[in-house]
Amino acid sequence: MPSYLHACDVLVLPSIYEGIPTVLVEAAASGKPVVSTRTRNVEDVVLDGQTGYIVPVRDPAALAEALARVLADPAHAAQMGQAGREWVQARFAPGKVMTDLQTMWQATAGCARTRLKAQA
């Protein structure tokens, strides 16, 4: 995958449905700007207008226009790619992910304790 990402100028993900768009994280981590449709969880990875563009699902004209914007301005595309790399490194760094998981587990455990106390 790294060699494919290295070879591309921009990654385009025109999905109708996505779960967790891992390929967008990989592209951003590789310093590539992205163009994606607005599917579930895309906004957790792509900062519209900063690290790439998010367009409506099933709107080929908007997809083509966003892709043309990226390709027409290589300097801006490079800035978007760098911003994407920085965003992904900050957002998905192993330490941050572990801290976020621990916080979620603690909050969930706290909810369970509260529920058990209320049932007693």
N, C-alpha and C. Protein backbone atom coordinates (compact mmCIF):
# COMPACT_ATOMS: atom_id res chain seq x y z
N MET A 1 0.81 -1.19 0.00
CA MET A 1 0.00 0.00 0.00
C MET A 1 0.86 1.27 0.00
N PRO A 2 1.95 1.32 0.77
CA PRO A 2 2.75 2.54 0.76
C PRO A 2 3.24 2.95 -0.62
N SER A 3 3.61 1.99 -1.45
CA SER A 3 4.10 2.35 -2.79
C SER A 3 2.99 2.96 -3.64
N TYR A 4 1.76 2.47 -3.49
CA TYR A 4 0.64 3.06 -4.23
C TYR A 4 0.35 4.47 -3.75
N LEU A 5 0.37 4.66 -2.45
CA LEU A 5 0.11 6.00 -1.90
C LEU A 5 1.22 6.97 -2.31
N HIS A 6 2.45 6.50 -2.31
CA HIS A 6 3.56 7.34 -2.72
C HIS A 6 3.41 7.79 -4.17
N ALA A 7 2.87 6.92 -5.01
CA ALA A 7 2.74 7.21 -6.43
C ALA A 7 1.59 8.15 -6.77
N CYS A 8 0.62 8.29 -5.87
CA CYS A 8 -0.55 9.10 -6.21
C CYS A 8 -0.39 10.57 -5.80
N ASP A 9 -1.17 11.42 -6.45
CA ASP A 9 -1.20 12.85 -6.10
C ASP A 9 -2.29 13.14 -5.09
N VAL A 10 -3.37 12.38 -5.16
CA VAL A 10 -4.53 12.58 -4.29
C VAL A 10 -5.25 11.24 -4.20
N LEU A 11 -5.85 10.98 -3.05
CA LEU A 11 -6.64 9.76 -2.90
C LEU A 11 -8.11 10.15 -2.96
N VAL A 12 -8.87 9.46 -3.78
CA VAL A 12 -10.30 9.72 -3.93
C VAL A 12 -11.07 8.51 -3.44
N LEU A 13 -12.02 8.74 -2.54
CA LEU A 13 -12.86 7.67 -2.00
C LEU A 13 -14.33 8.05 -2.23
N PRO A 14 -14.90 7.63 -3.37
CA PRO A 14 -16.27 8.02 -3.70
C PRO A 14 -17.31 7.01 -3.21
N SER A 15 -17.18 6.58 -1.98
CA SER A 15 -18.07 5.55 -1.45
C SER A 15 -19.49 6.06 -1.22
N ILE A 16 -20.41 5.11 -1.28
CA ILE A 16 -21.80 5.38 -0.91
C ILE A 16 -21.96 5.08 0.57
N TYR A 17 -21.21 4.10 1.06
CA TYR A 17 -21.25 3.70 2.46
C TYR A 17 -19.84 3.33 2.90
N GLU A 18 -19.48 3.72 4.10
CA GLU A 18 -18.20 3.34 4.70
C GLU A 18 -18.43 3.07 6.17
N GLY A 19 -17.63 2.20 6.72
CA GLY A 19 -17.61 2.00 8.16
C GLY A 19 -16.57 2.96 8.72
N ILE A 20 -15.38 2.47 8.91
CA ILE A 20 -14.26 3.31 9.30
C ILE A 20 -13.33 3.38 8.09
N PRO A 21 -13.21 4.53 7.47
CA PRO A 21 -12.43 4.63 6.22
C PRO A 21 -10.93 4.64 6.48
N THR A 22 -10.38 3.48 6.78
CA THR A 22 -8.97 3.34 7.11
C THR A 22 -8.07 3.86 6.00
N VAL A 23 -8.47 3.68 4.75
CA VAL A 23 -7.65 4.13 3.64
C VAL A 23 -7.45 5.65 3.69
N LEU A 24 -8.41 6.39 4.21
CA LEU A 24 -8.24 7.84 4.34
C LEU A 24 -7.19 8.16 5.39
N VAL A 25 -7.16 7.41 6.47
CA VAL A 25 -6.13 7.60 7.50
C VAL A 25 -4.76 7.29 6.91
N GLU A 26 -4.68 6.20 6.15
CA GLU A 26 -3.40 5.82 5.52
C GLU A 26 -2.94 6.89 4.53
N ALA A 27 -3.86 7.40 3.73
CA ALA A 27 -3.49 8.43 2.76
C ALA A 27 -3.02 9.70 3.46
N ALA A 28 -3.75 10.11 4.47
CA ALA A 28 -3.37 11.32 5.21
C ALA A 28 -2.01 11.12 5.89
N ALA A 29 -1.81 9.95 6.49
CA ALA A 29 -0.53 9.67 7.14
C ALA A 29 0.62 9.70 6.13
N SER A 30 0.30 9.43 4.87
CA SER A 30 1.30 9.47 3.80
C SER A 30 1.47 10.87 3.23
N GLY A 31 0.73 11.82 3.76
CA GLY A 31 0.86 13.20 3.30
C GLY A 31 0.11 13.49 2.01
N LYS A 32 -0.92 12.72 1.73
CA LYS A 32 -1.69 12.92 0.51
C LYS A 32 -3.01 13.61 0.84
N PRO A 33 -3.39 14.61 0.04
CA PRO A 33 -4.72 15.19 0.22
C PRO A 33 -5.76 14.16 -0.22
N VAL A 34 -6.97 14.28 0.31
CA VAL A 34 -8.02 13.32 -0.03
C VAL A 34 -9.28 14.04 -0.48
N VAL A 35 -10.03 13.36 -1.32
CA VAL A 35 -11.37 13.78 -1.71
C VAL A 35 -12.26 12.59 -1.41
N SER A 36 -13.28 12.82 -0.62
CA SER A 36 -14.15 11.73 -0.22
C SER A 36 -15.60 12.18 -0.19
N THR A 37 -16.48 11.21 -0.30
CA THR A 37 -17.89 11.51 -0.11
C THR A 37 -18.19 11.55 1.38
N ARG A 38 -19.26 12.25 1.72
CA ARG A 38 -19.65 12.43 3.13
C ARG A 38 -20.38 11.17 3.61
N THR A 39 -19.58 10.18 4.00
CA THR A 39 -20.14 8.96 4.57
C THR A 39 -19.76 8.92 6.05
N ARG A 40 -20.27 7.92 6.71
CA ARG A 40 -20.05 7.79 8.15
C ARG A 40 -18.56 7.82 8.49
N ASN A 41 -18.21 8.58 9.47
CA ASN A 41 -16.86 8.68 10.05
C ASN A 41 -15.83 9.41 9.20
N VAL A 42 -16.18 9.85 8.01
CA VAL A 42 -15.21 10.56 7.17
C VAL A 42 -14.75 11.85 7.86
N GLU A 43 -15.65 12.55 8.50
CA GLU A 43 -15.29 13.81 9.14
C GLU A 43 -14.38 13.62 10.35
N ASP A 44 -14.21 12.38 10.82
CA ASP A 44 -13.23 12.09 11.87
C ASP A 44 -11.82 12.08 11.30
N VAL A 45 -11.70 11.94 9.99
CA VAL A 45 -10.40 11.83 9.35
C VAL A 45 -10.08 13.04 8.47
N VAL A 46 -11.05 13.50 7.71
CA VAL A 46 -10.85 14.58 6.75
C VAL A 46 -11.41 15.89 7.31
N LEU A 47 -10.58 16.90 7.34
CA LEU A 47 -11.03 18.24 7.71
C LEU A 47 -11.32 18.96 6.40
N ASP A 48 -12.60 19.12 6.08
CA ASP A 48 -13.01 19.65 4.79
C ASP A 48 -12.39 21.02 4.52
N GLY A 49 -11.68 21.10 3.41
CA GLY A 49 -11.03 22.34 3.02
C GLY A 49 -9.64 22.52 3.61
N GLN A 50 -9.27 21.67 4.57
CA GLN A 50 -7.96 21.77 5.21
C GLN A 50 -7.05 20.61 4.87
N THR A 51 -7.58 19.40 4.94
CA THR A 51 -6.77 18.21 4.64
C THR A 51 -7.27 17.50 3.39
N GLY A 52 -8.34 18.01 2.83
CA GLY A 52 -8.96 17.44 1.65
C GLY A 52 -10.33 18.04 1.49
N TYR A 53 -11.14 17.38 0.68
CA TYR A 53 -12.50 17.86 0.46
C TYR A 53 -13.49 16.73 0.68
N ILE A 54 -14.63 17.07 1.25
CA ILE A 54 -15.73 16.13 1.44
C ILE A 54 -16.89 16.62 0.59
N VAL A 55 -17.42 15.73 -0.23
CA VAL A 55 -18.52 16.09 -1.13
C VAL A 55 -19.72 15.19 -0.84
N PRO A 56 -20.90 15.60 -1.29
CA PRO A 56 -22.09 14.76 -1.07
C PRO A 56 -21.98 13.41 -1.78
N VAL A 57 -22.59 12.41 -1.19
CA VAL A 57 -22.68 11.09 -1.80
C VAL A 57 -23.50 11.19 -3.08
N ARG A 58 -23.10 10.43 -4.08
CA ARG A 58 -23.80 10.35 -5.37
C ARG A 58 -23.89 11.70 -6.09
N ASP A 59 -22.83 12.48 -5.97
CA ASP A 59 -22.77 13.76 -6.67
C ASP A 59 -21.47 13.79 -7.48
N PRO A 60 -21.47 13.16 -8.65
CA PRO A 60 -20.24 13.07 -9.43
C PRO A 60 -19.69 14.43 -9.85
N ALA A 61 -20.56 15.41 -10.06
CA ALA A 61 -20.08 16.74 -10.45
C ALA A 61 -19.28 17.36 -9.30
N ALA A 62 -19.78 17.24 -8.08
CA ALA A 62 -19.06 17.79 -6.92
C ALA A 62 -17.74 17.04 -6.71
N LEU A 63 -17.77 15.73 -6.91
CA LEU A 63 -16.55 14.93 -6.77
C LEU A 63 -15.50 15.37 -7.79
N ALA A 64 -15.92 15.53 -9.03
CA ALA A 64 -15.00 15.95 -10.09
C ALA A 64 -14.46 17.36 -9.83
N GLU A 65 -15.32 18.24 -9.34
CA GLU A 65 -14.90 19.63 -9.08
C GLU A 65 -13.88 19.67 -7.94
N ALA A 66 -14.10 18.89 -6.89
CA ALA A 66 -13.15 18.85 -5.78
C ALA A 66 -11.81 18.26 -6.22
N LEU A 67 -11.87 17.21 -6.99
CA LEU A 67 -10.64 16.60 -7.50
C LEU A 67 -9.89 17.58 -8.41
N ALA A 68 -10.61 18.28 -9.26
CA ALA A 68 -9.98 19.28 -10.13
C ALA A 68 -9.32 20.39 -9.32
N ARG A 69 -9.96 20.80 -8.23
CA ARG A 69 -9.36 21.84 -7.35
C ARG A 69 -8.03 21.38 -6.79
N VAL A 70 -7.98 20.13 -6.34
CA VAL A 70 -6.73 19.60 -5.78
C VAL A 70 -5.64 19.53 -6.86
N LEU A 71 -6.00 19.00 -8.00
CA LEU A 71 -5.01 18.80 -9.06
C LEU A 71 -4.55 20.11 -9.70
N ALA A 72 -5.39 21.15 -9.65
CA ALA A 72 -5.05 22.43 -10.28
C ALA A 72 -4.04 23.24 -9.48
N ASP A 73 -3.87 22.91 -8.21
CA ASP A 73 -3.00 23.71 -7.35
C ASP A 73 -2.09 22.78 -6.53
N PRO A 74 -1.00 22.30 -7.14
CA PRO A 74 -0.11 21.36 -6.44
C PRO A 74 0.44 21.89 -5.12
N ALA A 75 0.71 23.18 -5.04
CA ALA A 75 1.24 23.73 -3.79
C ALA A 75 0.20 23.63 -2.68
N HIS A 76 -1.04 23.97 -3.00
CA HIS A 76 -2.11 23.86 -2.00
C HIS A 76 -2.36 22.39 -1.65
N ALA A 77 -2.29 21.51 -2.65
CA ALA A 77 -2.46 20.08 -2.40
C ALA A 77 -1.39 19.58 -1.43
N ALA A 78 -0.16 20.04 -1.61
CA ALA A 78 0.93 19.65 -0.70
C ALA A 78 0.66 20.15 0.71
N GLN A 79 0.14 21.37 0.83
CA GLN A 79 -0.21 21.91 2.16
C GLN A 79 -1.31 21.07 2.80
N MET A 80 -2.30 20.70 2.00
CA MET A 80 -3.39 19.85 2.53
C MET A 80 -2.84 18.50 2.98
N GLY A 81 -1.93 17.94 2.18
CA GLY A 81 -1.34 16.66 2.55
C GLY A 81 -0.55 16.75 3.84
N GLN A 82 0.21 17.82 4.01
CA GLN A 82 0.97 18.01 5.24
C GLN A 82 0.04 18.20 6.43
N ALA A 83 -1.02 18.99 6.23
CA ALA A 83 -2.00 19.20 7.31
C ALA A 83 -2.68 17.88 7.67
N GLY A 84 -2.95 17.06 6.66
CA GLY A 84 -3.54 15.75 6.92
C GLY A 84 -2.62 14.85 7.71
N ARG A 85 -1.35 14.86 7.36
CA ARG A 85 -0.37 14.06 8.10
C ARG A 85 -0.32 14.50 9.56
N GLU A 86 -0.25 15.79 9.79
CA GLU A 86 -0.20 16.31 11.16
C GLU A 86 -1.47 15.97 11.93
N TRP A 87 -2.63 16.10 11.28
CA TRP A 87 -3.91 15.82 11.92
C TRP A 87 -3.99 14.34 12.32
N VAL A 88 -3.63 13.46 11.40
CA VAL A 88 -3.70 12.02 11.67
C VAL A 88 -2.71 11.64 12.76
N GLN A 89 -1.51 12.19 12.72
CA GLN A 89 -0.52 11.87 13.76
C GLN A 89 -1.02 12.31 15.13
N ALA A 90 -1.67 13.46 15.20
CA ALA A 90 -2.18 13.93 16.49
C ALA A 90 -3.43 13.15 16.91
N ARG A 91 -4.32 12.90 15.97
CA ARG A 91 -5.61 12.27 16.27
C ARG A 91 -5.50 10.79 16.52
N PHE A 92 -4.62 10.11 15.80
CA PHE A 92 -4.55 8.65 15.86
C PHE A 92 -3.22 8.13 16.39
N ALA A 93 -2.46 8.98 17.07
CA ALA A 93 -1.21 8.51 17.69
C ALA A 93 -1.55 7.41 18.69
N PRO A 94 -0.73 6.37 18.75
CA PRO A 94 -1.04 5.25 19.66
C PRO A 94 -1.33 5.68 21.10
N GLY A 95 -0.55 6.60 21.63
CA GLY A 95 -0.79 7.06 23.00
C GLY A 95 -2.14 7.74 23.16
N LYS A 96 -2.52 8.54 22.18
CA LYS A 96 -3.82 9.22 22.23
C LYS A 96 -4.96 8.22 22.12
N VAL A 97 -4.82 7.28 21.21
CA VAL A 97 -5.87 6.27 21.05
C VAL A 97 -6.04 5.48 22.34
N MET A 98 -4.94 5.09 22.96
CA MET A 98 -5.03 4.34 24.22
C MET A 98 -5.65 5.18 25.34
N THR A 99 -5.28 6.44 25.42
CA THR A 99 -5.88 7.33 26.43
C THR A 99 -7.37 7.48 26.19
N ASP A 100 -7.77 7.67 24.93
CA ASP A 100 -9.19 7.79 24.60
C ASP A 100 -9.96 6.52 24.95
N LEU A 101 -9.37 5.35 24.65
CA LEU A 101 -10.01 4.08 25.00
C LEU A 101 -10.16 3.93 26.51
N GLN A 102 -9.11 4.27 27.24
CA GLN A 102 -9.16 4.17 28.68
C GLN A 102 -10.23 5.10 29.24
N THR A 103 -10.32 6.31 28.74
CA THR A 103 -11.34 7.25 29.19
C THR A 103 -12.74 6.69 28.91
N MET A 104 -12.93 6.12 27.71
CA MET A 104 -14.22 5.55 27.36
C MET A 104 -14.57 4.38 28.28
N TRP A 105 -13.60 3.50 28.52
CA TRP A 105 -13.85 2.36 29.40
C TRP A 105 -14.19 2.81 30.82
N GLN A 106 -13.47 3.80 31.31
CA GLN A 106 -13.76 4.30 32.65
C GLN A 106 -15.15 4.92 32.72
N ALA A 107 -15.52 5.67 31.69
CA ALA A 107 -16.86 6.27 31.67
C ALA A 107 -17.93 5.19 31.59
N THR A 108 -17.68 4.17 30.78
CA THR A 108 -18.64 3.08 30.64
C THR A 108 -18.75 2.31 31.95
N ALA A 109 -17.64 2.04 32.60
CA ALA A 109 -17.66 1.35 33.89
C ALA A 109 -18.40 2.18 34.92
N GLY A 110 -18.22 3.48 34.87
CA GLY A 110 -18.93 4.37 35.80
C GLY A 110 -20.42 4.31 35.58
N CYS A 111 -20.85 4.23 34.32
CA CYS A 111 -22.28 4.11 34.02
C CYS A 111 -22.82 2.79 34.55
N ALA A 112 -22.06 1.74 34.38
CA ALA A 112 -22.50 0.43 34.87
C ALA A 112 -22.63 0.43 36.39
N ARG A 113 -21.67 1.04 37.08
CA ARG A 113 -21.75 1.11 38.55
C ARG A 113 -22.97 1.90 38.97
N THR A 114 -23.24 3.00 38.30
CA THR A 114 -24.41 3.83 38.63
C THR A 114 -25.69 3.03 38.41
N ARG A 115 -25.78 2.29 37.33
CA ARG A 115 -26.95 1.48 37.05
C ARG A 115 -27.13 0.39 38.08
N LEU A 116 -26.04 -0.25 38.47
CA LEU A 116 -26.13 -1.32 39.49
C LEU A 116 -26.59 -0.75 40.82
N LYS A 117 -26.09 0.40 41.21
CA LYS A 117 -26.51 1.04 42.46
C LYS A 117 -27.98 1.39 42.41
N ALA A 118 -28.46 1.86 41.25
CA ALA A 118 -29.86 2.24 41.12
C ALA A 118 -30.77 1.01 41.18
N GLN A 119 -30.28 -0.12 40.71
CA GLN A 119 -31.09 -1.34 40.73
C GLN A 119 -31.12 -1.98 42.12
N ALA A 120 -30.12 -1.68 42.96
CA ALA A 120 -30.04 -2.31 44.28
C ALA A 120 -31.03 -1.75 45.26
